[in-house]
Amino acid sequence: MLKGILNYAHYLLEETVEKGEVVIDATCGNGNDTLFLSKLVAEHGYVYAFDIQEQAIANTKEALTFHERTNVSLIHDSHENIADYIKNTEIAGAIFNLGYLPKSDKTVITEGASTVAAVDTILSLLKKGGLVVLVVYHGHEGGKDEKKSLLKYLFQLDQKKYNVLRYGFINQKNDPPFILAIEKK
């Protein structure tokens, strides 16, 4: 049975990340991935969750409070500034949901340059066997440019150091999202 995009993104992280490890939600949005990661790493693990929108931080905080999760730092800043917050820490995994915050201003979007910078930083912190998962929503204005920037960056990654996977459904209409997953060898 084929898994849907978000289910597969979570499955990949479940297969990689262990309890007690440190992970990143680079686009915390409504808090779904942050909550998932918080439970995945359990009470001795830690999650750094980033978003540029106050509404996303508030939504995520509400979800975490409701589920009594305390192993998360919510950071109201761009994921491109991860290096300002995380230094000398080994990261087991990270997730991005690219595009815009659902049910909000669709003009506030993730962008290629900041996403590539964030991925580059995370790869420098990623443990051997660690995984970065990007859910690429590209059917909105600016989405195709981000997709192009990201693919250009990922195609040049050294195959001796990284495995890069693309997973998506090709028979869906309206620019279906797809996954890009980067595993550090």
N, C-alpha and C. Protein backbone atom coordinates (compact mmCIF):
# COMPACT_ATOMS: atom_id res chain seq x y z
N MET A 1 0.85 -1.18 0.00
CA MET A 1 0.00 0.00 0.00
C MET A 1 0.89 1.24 0.00
N LEU A 2 0.66 2.12 -0.93
CA LEU A 2 1.41 3.37 -0.99
C LEU A 2 0.93 4.34 0.08
N LYS A 3 1.86 5.03 0.71
CA LYS A 3 1.52 6.01 1.74
C LYS A 3 1.33 7.38 1.10
N GLY A 4 0.40 8.15 1.66
CA GLY A 4 0.23 9.54 1.24
C GLY A 4 1.47 10.34 1.58
N ILE A 5 1.57 11.52 1.05
CA ILE A 5 2.76 12.35 1.20
C ILE A 5 3.11 12.61 2.66
N LEU A 6 2.18 13.12 3.44
CA LEU A 6 2.51 13.44 4.84
C LEU A 6 2.75 12.18 5.66
N ASN A 7 1.98 11.13 5.41
CA ASN A 7 2.21 9.87 6.12
C ASN A 7 3.59 9.30 5.80
N TYR A 8 4.00 9.42 4.55
CA TYR A 8 5.31 8.90 4.17
C TYR A 8 6.43 9.75 4.78
N ALA A 9 6.23 11.05 4.83
CA ALA A 9 7.22 11.93 5.46
C ALA A 9 7.43 11.51 6.92
N HIS A 10 6.35 11.28 7.63
CA HIS A 10 6.44 10.85 9.03
C HIS A 10 7.04 9.45 9.15
N TYR A 11 6.66 8.57 8.26
CA TYR A 11 7.21 7.21 8.26
C TYR A 11 8.73 7.25 8.12
N LEU A 12 9.24 8.04 7.19
CA LEU A 12 10.68 8.14 6.99
C LEU A 12 11.38 8.59 8.27
N LEU A 13 10.82 9.56 8.95
CA LEU A 13 11.42 10.04 10.19
C LEU A 13 11.31 9.01 11.31
N GLU A 14 10.19 8.30 11.37
CA GLU A 14 10.04 7.24 12.37
C GLU A 14 11.09 6.16 12.20
N GLU A 15 11.48 5.90 10.97
CA GLU A 15 12.47 4.87 10.68
C GLU A 15 13.90 5.34 10.96
N THR A 16 14.08 6.63 11.18
CA THR A 16 15.42 7.22 11.32
C THR A 16 15.71 7.75 12.72
N VAL A 17 14.77 8.50 13.26
CA VAL A 17 14.98 9.22 14.52
C VAL A 17 14.66 8.31 15.71
N GLU A 18 15.50 8.42 16.74
CA GLU A 18 15.31 7.63 17.96
C GLU A 18 14.94 8.52 19.13
N LYS A 19 14.36 7.92 20.14
CA LYS A 19 14.03 8.64 21.37
C LYS A 19 15.30 9.27 21.92
N GLY A 20 15.16 10.47 22.46
CA GLY A 20 16.29 11.16 23.08
C GLY A 20 17.12 12.01 22.13
N GLU A 21 16.80 11.99 20.84
CA GLU A 21 17.60 12.75 19.89
C GLU A 21 17.03 14.16 19.68
N VAL A 22 17.79 14.97 18.95
CA VAL A 22 17.41 16.35 18.66
C VAL A 22 16.98 16.45 17.20
N VAL A 23 15.86 17.12 16.96
CA VAL A 23 15.30 17.26 15.62
C VAL A 23 14.85 18.69 15.38
N ILE A 24 14.55 18.98 14.13
CA ILE A 24 14.12 20.32 13.73
C ILE A 24 12.84 20.25 12.92
N ASP A 25 11.88 21.10 13.26
CA ASP A 25 10.75 21.38 12.39
C ASP A 25 11.02 22.77 11.82
N ALA A 26 11.44 22.83 10.58
CA ALA A 26 11.89 24.08 9.98
C ALA A 26 10.75 25.01 9.61
N THR A 27 9.51 24.50 9.59
CA THR A 27 8.33 25.29 9.23
C THR A 27 7.16 24.80 10.09
N CYS A 28 7.06 25.28 11.31
CA CYS A 28 6.13 24.63 12.25
C CYS A 28 4.65 24.83 11.92
N GLY A 29 4.30 25.83 11.16
CA GLY A 29 2.92 25.96 10.67
C GLY A 29 1.86 25.84 11.74
N ASN A 30 1.01 24.85 11.63
CA ASN A 30 -0.07 24.65 12.61
C ASN A 30 0.32 23.68 13.73
N GLY A 31 1.57 23.23 13.72
CA GLY A 31 2.08 22.44 14.83
C GLY A 31 1.99 20.94 14.68
N ASN A 32 1.46 20.46 13.57
CA ASN A 32 1.29 19.02 13.41
C ASN A 32 2.61 18.26 13.38
N ASP A 33 3.57 18.74 12.61
CA ASP A 33 4.87 18.08 12.55
C ASP A 33 5.65 18.27 13.85
N THR A 34 5.53 19.44 14.45
CA THR A 34 6.21 19.69 15.72
C THR A 34 5.72 18.72 16.78
N LEU A 35 4.42 18.55 16.87
CA LEU A 35 3.84 17.61 17.83
C LEU A 35 4.30 16.18 17.53
N PHE A 36 4.28 15.80 16.27
CA PHE A 36 4.75 14.48 15.86
C PHE A 36 6.20 14.26 16.30
N LEU A 37 7.07 15.23 16.02
CA LEU A 37 8.48 15.11 16.38
C LEU A 37 8.67 15.08 17.89
N SER A 38 7.91 15.88 18.61
CA SER A 38 7.99 15.91 20.07
C SER A 38 7.70 14.53 20.67
N LYS A 39 6.68 13.89 20.15
CA LYS A 39 6.33 12.54 20.62
C LYS A 39 7.39 11.53 20.17
N LEU A 40 7.92 11.70 18.98
CA LEU A 40 8.89 10.77 18.42
C LEU A 40 10.18 10.73 19.25
N VAL A 41 10.68 11.89 19.64
CA VAL A 41 11.93 11.92 20.41
C VAL A 41 11.69 11.73 21.91
N ALA A 42 10.44 11.81 22.33
CA ALA A 42 10.02 11.57 23.72
C ALA A 42 10.61 12.63 24.67
N GLU A 43 10.39 12.44 25.96
CA GLU A 43 10.72 13.49 26.93
C GLU A 43 12.20 13.81 27.02
N HIS A 44 13.08 12.89 26.66
CA HIS A 44 14.52 13.16 26.75
C HIS A 44 15.09 13.69 25.44
N GLY A 45 14.28 13.78 24.41
CA GLY A 45 14.69 14.36 23.14
C GLY A 45 14.27 15.81 23.08
N TYR A 46 14.63 16.48 21.99
CA TYR A 46 14.31 17.91 21.89
C TYR A 46 14.00 18.30 20.46
N VAL A 47 13.07 19.25 20.33
CA VAL A 47 12.64 19.76 19.02
C VAL A 47 12.87 21.27 18.97
N TYR A 48 13.50 21.72 17.92
CA TYR A 48 13.58 23.15 17.60
C TYR A 48 12.59 23.39 16.47
N ALA A 49 11.62 24.27 16.70
CA ALA A 49 10.58 24.54 15.70
C ALA A 49 10.64 26.00 15.27
N PHE A 50 10.76 26.22 13.98
CA PHE A 50 10.91 27.57 13.42
C PHE A 50 9.70 27.96 12.59
N ASP A 51 9.37 29.24 12.60
CA ASP A 51 8.44 29.81 11.64
C ASP A 51 8.56 31.32 11.68
N ILE A 52 8.32 31.95 10.53
CA ILE A 52 8.42 33.41 10.44
C ILE A 52 7.12 34.09 10.83
N GLN A 53 6.04 33.33 10.93
CA GLN A 53 4.74 33.93 11.21
C GLN A 53 4.34 33.74 12.67
N GLU A 54 3.93 34.82 13.29
CA GLU A 54 3.46 34.76 14.68
C GLU A 54 2.29 33.80 14.83
N GLN A 55 1.39 33.77 13.84
CA GLN A 55 0.23 32.89 13.90
C GLN A 55 0.67 31.43 13.95
N ALA A 56 1.70 31.07 13.19
CA ALA A 56 2.20 29.70 13.21
C ALA A 56 2.76 29.34 14.57
N ILE A 57 3.51 30.25 15.15
CA ILE A 57 4.07 30.00 16.48
C ILE A 57 2.94 29.84 17.50
N ALA A 58 1.92 30.70 17.42
CA ALA A 58 0.78 30.61 18.35
C ALA A 58 0.02 29.30 18.15
N ASN A 59 -0.22 28.92 16.90
CA ASN A 59 -0.93 27.67 16.62
C ASN A 59 -0.17 26.47 17.16
N THR A 60 1.13 26.48 16.97
CA THR A 60 1.96 25.36 17.42
C THR A 60 2.00 25.32 18.95
N LYS A 61 2.14 26.48 19.55
CA LYS A 61 2.16 26.55 21.03
C LYS A 61 0.86 25.99 21.60
N GLU A 62 -0.25 26.33 20.99
CA GLU A 62 -1.55 25.84 21.44
C GLU A 62 -1.63 24.32 21.34
N ALA A 63 -1.16 23.76 20.23
CA ALA A 63 -1.18 22.30 20.05
C ALA A 63 -0.29 21.61 21.08
N LEU A 64 0.88 22.18 21.32
CA LEU A 64 1.81 21.58 22.28
C LEU A 64 1.27 21.65 23.70
N THR A 65 0.67 22.77 24.04
CA THR A 65 0.08 22.94 25.37
C THR A 65 -1.06 21.95 25.58
N PHE A 66 -1.92 21.81 24.58
CA PHE A 66 -3.05 20.88 24.67
C PHE A 66 -2.57 19.45 24.92
N HIS A 67 -1.46 19.08 24.26
CA HIS A 67 -0.93 17.72 24.39
C HIS A 67 0.16 17.60 25.47
N GLU A 68 0.34 18.69 26.23
CA GLU A 68 1.29 18.71 27.35
C GLU A 68 2.70 18.31 26.93
N ARG A 69 3.17 18.89 25.84
CA ARG A 69 4.52 18.64 25.33
C ARG A 69 5.41 19.81 25.72
N THR A 70 6.53 19.51 26.36
CA THR A 70 7.42 20.57 26.86
C THR A 70 8.83 20.48 26.30
N ASN A 71 9.10 19.57 25.42
CA ASN A 71 10.45 19.38 24.90
C ASN A 71 10.68 20.10 23.57
N VAL A 72 10.12 21.30 23.46
CA VAL A 72 10.18 22.05 22.20
C VAL A 72 10.55 23.51 22.47
N SER A 73 11.43 24.05 21.64
CA SER A 73 11.69 25.49 21.59
C SER A 73 11.01 26.03 20.34
N LEU A 74 10.10 26.97 20.53
CA LEU A 74 9.45 27.64 19.40
C LEU A 74 10.25 28.89 19.08
N ILE A 75 10.69 29.00 17.83
CA ILE A 75 11.56 30.09 17.43
C ILE A 75 10.90 30.88 16.32
N HIS A 76 10.56 32.13 16.64
CA HIS A 76 9.90 33.01 15.68
C HIS A 76 10.98 33.68 14.82
N ASP A 77 11.43 32.92 13.83
CA ASP A 77 12.48 33.40 12.94
C ASP A 77 12.49 32.50 11.71
N SER A 78 13.18 32.94 10.69
CA SER A 78 13.30 32.16 9.46
C SER A 78 14.19 30.94 9.68
N HIS A 79 13.86 29.86 9.02
CA HIS A 79 14.69 28.66 9.11
C HIS A 79 16.09 28.91 8.54
N GLU A 80 16.26 29.93 7.74
CA GLU A 80 17.60 30.22 7.21
C GLU A 80 18.56 30.64 8.32
N ASN A 81 18.02 31.00 9.49
CA ASN A 81 18.84 31.45 10.62
C ASN A 81 19.05 30.35 11.67
N ILE A 82 18.87 29.11 11.29
CA ILE A 82 19.04 27.99 12.22
C ILE A 82 20.39 28.05 12.93
N ALA A 83 21.43 28.43 12.21
CA ALA A 83 22.78 28.47 12.80
C ALA A 83 22.88 29.46 13.95
N ASP A 84 21.99 30.43 14.01
CA ASP A 84 21.99 31.39 15.13
C ASP A 84 21.46 30.75 16.42
N TYR A 85 20.75 29.65 16.30
CA TYR A 85 20.09 29.02 17.45
C TYR A 85 20.66 27.65 17.81
N ILE A 86 21.20 26.96 16.84
CA ILE A 86 21.68 25.59 17.08
C ILE A 86 23.14 25.52 16.65
N LYS A 87 24.00 25.29 17.64
CA LYS A 87 25.43 25.18 17.37
C LYS A 87 25.96 23.93 18.08
N ASN A 88 26.89 23.26 17.46
CA ASN A 88 27.56 22.11 18.08
C ASN A 88 26.57 21.08 18.63
N THR A 89 25.47 20.91 17.92
CA THR A 89 24.45 19.94 18.32
C THR A 89 24.21 19.01 17.15
N GLU A 90 24.27 17.72 17.43
CA GLU A 90 24.01 16.75 16.37
C GLU A 90 22.50 16.61 16.17
N ILE A 91 22.07 16.75 14.94
CA ILE A 91 20.65 16.67 14.59
C ILE A 91 20.38 15.30 13.97
N ALA A 92 19.31 14.65 14.42
CA ALA A 92 18.95 13.33 13.89
C ALA A 92 18.04 13.43 12.67
N GLY A 93 17.22 14.48 12.62
CA GLY A 93 16.29 14.63 11.52
C GLY A 93 15.68 16.00 11.49
N ALA A 94 15.07 16.30 10.35
CA ALA A 94 14.40 17.59 10.19
C ALA A 94 13.29 17.43 9.17
N ILE A 95 12.28 18.28 9.30
CA ILE A 95 11.18 18.28 8.34
C ILE A 95 10.85 19.71 7.94
N PHE A 96 10.49 19.86 6.68
CA PHE A 96 10.02 21.13 6.12
C PHE A 96 8.68 20.84 5.44
N ASN A 97 7.71 21.70 5.60
CA ASN A 97 6.51 21.72 4.78
C ASN A 97 6.57 23.06 4.06
N LEU A 98 6.94 23.04 2.82
CA LEU A 98 7.17 24.28 2.07
C LEU A 98 5.87 24.84 1.53
N GLY A 99 5.89 26.12 1.25
CA GLY A 99 4.70 26.78 0.71
C GLY A 99 4.24 27.87 1.65
N TYR A 100 2.96 27.82 2.01
CA TYR A 100 2.39 28.84 2.89
C TYR A 100 1.61 28.17 4.02
N LEU A 101 1.34 28.94 5.05
CA LEU A 101 0.58 28.45 6.20
C LEU A 101 -0.87 28.27 5.78
N PRO A 102 -1.40 27.04 5.89
CA PRO A 102 -2.80 26.81 5.52
C PRO A 102 -3.74 27.75 6.28
N LYS A 103 -4.78 28.21 5.58
CA LYS A 103 -5.80 29.09 6.15
C LYS A 103 -5.22 30.43 6.62
N SER A 104 -4.22 30.93 5.86
CA SER A 104 -3.63 32.22 6.23
C SER A 104 -3.28 32.99 4.95
N ASP A 105 -2.45 33.99 5.10
CA ASP A 105 -2.02 34.84 4.00
C ASP A 105 -1.16 34.03 3.02
N LYS A 106 -1.67 33.79 1.83
CA LYS A 106 -0.96 32.97 0.85
C LYS A 106 0.18 33.71 0.17
N THR A 107 0.39 34.97 0.52
CA THR A 107 1.53 35.69 -0.05
C THR A 107 2.78 35.52 0.82
N VAL A 108 2.63 35.02 2.03
CA VAL A 108 3.78 34.74 2.90
C VAL A 108 4.15 33.29 2.67
N ILE A 109 5.25 33.10 1.94
CA ILE A 109 5.65 31.75 1.50
C ILE A 109 7.11 31.48 1.85
N THR A 110 7.44 30.19 1.85
CA THR A 110 8.85 29.84 1.93
C THR A 110 9.48 30.15 0.58
N GLU A 111 10.77 30.44 0.59
CA GLU A 111 11.45 30.83 -0.64
C GLU A 111 12.72 30.03 -0.83
N GLY A 112 13.11 29.85 -2.08
CA GLY A 112 14.24 29.01 -2.43
C GLY A 112 15.53 29.33 -1.70
N ALA A 113 15.92 30.60 -1.68
CA ALA A 113 17.21 30.96 -1.09
C ALA A 113 17.25 30.62 0.40
N SER A 114 16.19 30.95 1.13
CA SER A 114 16.19 30.67 2.57
C SER A 114 16.08 29.18 2.85
N THR A 115 15.31 28.47 2.03
CA THR A 115 15.17 27.02 2.22
C THR A 115 16.49 26.32 1.94
N VAL A 116 17.16 26.68 0.86
CA VAL A 116 18.45 26.07 0.54
C VAL A 116 19.46 26.38 1.65
N ALA A 117 19.48 27.61 2.15
CA ALA A 117 20.39 27.96 3.24
C ALA A 117 20.11 27.12 4.48
N ALA A 118 18.83 26.92 4.79
CA ALA A 118 18.45 26.11 5.95
C ALA A 118 18.87 24.66 5.78
N VAL A 119 18.61 24.10 4.61
CA VAL A 119 18.99 22.71 4.35
C VAL A 119 20.50 22.57 4.46
N ASP A 120 21.24 23.49 3.90
CA ASP A 120 22.70 23.45 3.96
C ASP A 120 23.19 23.45 5.41
N THR A 121 22.62 24.31 6.23
CA THR A 121 22.99 24.36 7.65
C THR A 121 22.66 23.05 8.35
N ILE A 122 21.46 22.55 8.11
CA ILE A 122 21.05 21.30 8.76
C ILE A 122 21.96 20.15 8.34
N LEU A 123 22.32 20.08 7.08
CA LEU A 123 23.20 19.00 6.63
C LEU A 123 24.55 19.05 7.34
N SER A 124 25.01 20.24 7.69
CA SER A 124 26.28 20.35 8.41
C SER A 124 26.16 19.86 9.86
N LEU A 125 24.95 19.84 10.40
CA LEU A 125 24.69 19.38 11.77
C LEU A 125 24.17 17.94 11.83
N LEU A 126 23.76 17.42 10.69
CA LEU A 126 23.08 16.13 10.64
C LEU A 126 24.03 14.98 10.96
N LYS A 127 23.55 14.07 11.80
CA LYS A 127 24.34 12.89 12.14
C LYS A 127 24.42 11.95 10.95
N LYS A 128 25.40 11.07 10.96
CA LYS A 128 25.48 10.03 9.95
C LYS A 128 24.24 9.16 10.09
N GLY A 129 23.55 8.94 8.99
CA GLY A 129 22.30 8.19 9.02
C GLY A 129 21.09 9.06 9.29
N GLY A 130 21.32 10.36 9.52
CA GLY A 130 20.22 11.29 9.76
C GLY A 130 19.48 11.62 8.47
N LEU A 131 18.32 12.25 8.63
CA LEU A 131 17.44 12.47 7.49
C LEU A 131 16.78 13.85 7.52
N VAL A 132 16.76 14.50 6.38
CA VAL A 132 16.02 15.74 6.19
C VAL A 132 14.90 15.44 5.20
N VAL A 133 13.67 15.75 5.58
CA VAL A 133 12.51 15.51 4.73
C VAL A 133 11.87 16.83 4.37
N LEU A 134 11.71 17.06 3.08
CA LEU A 134 11.07 18.28 2.59
C LEU A 134 9.79 17.90 1.86
N VAL A 135 8.67 18.42 2.33
CA VAL A 135 7.40 18.24 1.62
C VAL A 135 7.25 19.50 0.76
N VAL A 136 7.31 19.30 -0.54
CA VAL A 136 7.37 20.41 -1.48
C VAL A 136 5.98 20.67 -2.07
N TYR A 137 5.38 21.76 -1.62
CA TYR A 137 4.13 22.25 -2.21
C TYR A 137 4.54 23.35 -3.19
N HIS A 138 4.23 23.16 -4.45
CA HIS A 138 4.75 24.08 -5.47
C HIS A 138 3.66 24.62 -6.39
N GLY A 139 2.41 24.43 -6.05
CA GLY A 139 1.32 24.86 -6.92
C GLY A 139 0.85 26.28 -6.69
N HIS A 140 1.59 27.06 -5.92
CA HIS A 140 1.22 28.44 -5.63
C HIS A 140 2.26 29.39 -6.26
N GLU A 141 1.94 30.66 -6.30
CA GLU A 141 2.86 31.64 -6.85
C GLU A 141 4.16 31.64 -6.05
N GLY A 142 5.27 31.47 -6.72
CA GLY A 142 6.57 31.39 -6.07
C GLY A 142 7.00 29.96 -5.78
N GLY A 143 6.07 29.03 -5.80
CA GLY A 143 6.38 27.65 -5.47
C GLY A 143 7.29 26.97 -6.48
N LYS A 144 7.09 27.27 -7.75
CA LYS A 144 7.91 26.65 -8.78
C LYS A 144 9.36 27.15 -8.72
N ASP A 145 9.53 28.43 -8.35
CA ASP A 145 10.88 28.97 -8.20
C ASP A 145 11.61 28.30 -7.04
N GLU A 146 10.91 28.10 -5.93
CA GLU A 146 11.52 27.43 -4.78
C GLU A 146 11.88 25.99 -5.14
N LYS A 147 10.97 25.31 -5.80
CA LYS A 147 11.21 23.93 -6.23
C LYS A 147 12.46 23.87 -7.10
N LYS A 148 12.58 24.77 -8.05
CA LYS A 148 13.73 24.80 -8.96
C LYS A 148 15.03 25.03 -8.19
N SER A 149 15.04 25.97 -7.27
CA SER A 149 16.24 26.26 -6.47
C SER A 149 16.65 25.06 -5.63
N LEU A 150 15.67 24.45 -5.03
CA LEU A 150 15.92 23.30 -4.16
C LEU A 150 16.47 22.12 -4.96
N LEU A 151 15.83 21.81 -6.08
CA LEU A 151 16.30 20.70 -6.91
C LEU A 151 17.71 20.96 -7.45
N LYS A 152 17.99 22.18 -7.85
CA LYS A 152 19.33 22.53 -8.33
C LYS A 152 20.37 22.26 -7.24
N TYR A 153 20.06 22.66 -6.01
CA TYR A 153 20.96 22.44 -4.88
C TYR A 153 21.14 20.95 -4.60
N LEU A 154 20.04 20.22 -4.56
CA LEU A 154 20.10 18.80 -4.20
C LEU A 154 20.79 17.95 -5.27
N PHE A 155 20.62 18.30 -6.52
CA PHE A 155 21.28 17.54 -7.59
C PHE A 155 22.80 17.60 -7.48
N GLN A 156 23.33 18.66 -6.89
CA GLN A 156 24.79 18.79 -6.79
C GLN A 156 25.37 18.16 -5.54
N LEU A 157 24.53 17.62 -4.64
CA LEU A 157 25.07 16.98 -3.43
C LEU A 157 25.87 15.74 -3.81
N ASP A 158 26.99 15.56 -3.15
CA ASP A 158 27.90 14.44 -3.43
C ASP A 158 27.21 13.12 -3.10
N GLN A 159 27.09 12.25 -4.09
CA GLN A 159 26.42 10.97 -3.88
C GLN A 159 27.20 10.05 -2.94
N LYS A 160 28.46 10.36 -2.70
CA LYS A 160 29.24 9.58 -1.74
C LYS A 160 28.90 9.97 -0.30
N LYS A 161 28.29 11.13 -0.13
CA LYS A 161 27.96 11.63 1.20
C LYS A 161 26.47 11.60 1.51
N TYR A 162 25.63 11.64 0.45
CA TYR A 162 24.19 11.75 0.64
C TYR A 162 23.42 10.89 -0.35
N ASN A 163 22.31 10.36 0.12
CA ASN A 163 21.30 9.77 -0.75
C ASN A 163 20.14 10.76 -0.80
N VAL A 164 19.64 11.05 -1.99
CA VAL A 164 18.52 11.98 -2.13
C VAL A 164 17.39 11.25 -2.86
N LEU A 165 16.23 11.23 -2.21
CA LEU A 165 15.05 10.54 -2.72
C LEU A 165 13.99 11.55 -3.13
N ARG A 166 13.28 11.23 -4.20
CA ARG A 166 12.09 12.00 -4.59
C ARG A 166 10.92 11.03 -4.60
N TYR A 167 9.84 11.39 -3.90
CA TYR A 167 8.68 10.52 -3.79
C TYR A 167 7.44 11.36 -4.05
N GLY A 168 6.62 10.93 -4.98
CA GLY A 168 5.40 11.67 -5.26
C GLY A 168 4.51 10.91 -6.23
N PHE A 169 3.29 11.36 -6.31
CA PHE A 169 2.30 10.74 -7.19
C PHE A 169 2.23 11.54 -8.48
N ILE A 170 2.45 10.87 -9.61
CA ILE A 170 2.57 11.59 -10.88
C ILE A 170 1.25 11.71 -11.63
N ASN A 171 0.20 11.05 -11.17
CA ASN A 171 -1.07 11.12 -11.89
C ASN A 171 -2.11 11.99 -11.18
N GLN A 172 -1.67 12.82 -10.26
CA GLN A 172 -2.60 13.73 -9.58
C GLN A 172 -2.57 15.09 -10.27
N LYS A 173 -3.69 15.78 -10.22
CA LYS A 173 -3.82 17.07 -10.88
C LYS A 173 -3.38 18.21 -9.95
N ASN A 174 -3.22 19.38 -10.54
CA ASN A 174 -2.97 20.62 -9.80
C ASN A 174 -1.66 20.62 -9.02
N ASP A 175 -0.57 20.25 -9.68
CA ASP A 175 0.76 20.32 -9.06
C ASP A 175 0.81 19.64 -7.70
N PRO A 176 0.65 18.32 -7.65
CA PRO A 176 0.63 17.63 -6.36
C PRO A 176 1.95 17.79 -5.62
N PRO A 177 1.88 17.85 -4.30
CA PRO A 177 3.12 17.93 -3.53
C PRO A 177 3.92 16.65 -3.67
N PHE A 178 5.20 16.75 -3.38
CA PHE A 178 6.07 15.58 -3.39
C PHE A 178 7.09 15.73 -2.27
N ILE A 179 7.78 14.64 -1.99
CA ILE A 179 8.79 14.62 -0.93
C ILE A 179 10.18 14.57 -1.54
N LEU A 180 11.07 15.31 -0.93
CA LEU A 180 12.50 15.16 -1.16
C LEU A 180 13.10 14.78 0.19
N ALA A 181 13.83 13.70 0.24
CA ALA A 181 14.44 13.24 1.48
C ALA A 181 15.94 13.10 1.27
N ILE A 182 16.71 13.62 2.21
CA ILE A 182 18.17 13.60 2.12
C ILE A 182 18.70 12.80 3.31
N GLU A 183 19.39 11.72 3.00
CA GLU A 183 19.99 10.89 4.04
C GLU A 183 21.50 11.10 4.01
N LYS A 184 22.07 11.37 5.18
CA LYS A 184 23.53 11.53 5.27
C LYS A 184 24.15 10.16 5.45
N LYS A 185 25.10 9.82 4.58
CA LYS A 185 25.76 8.50 4.64
C LYS A 185 26.81 8.47 5.73
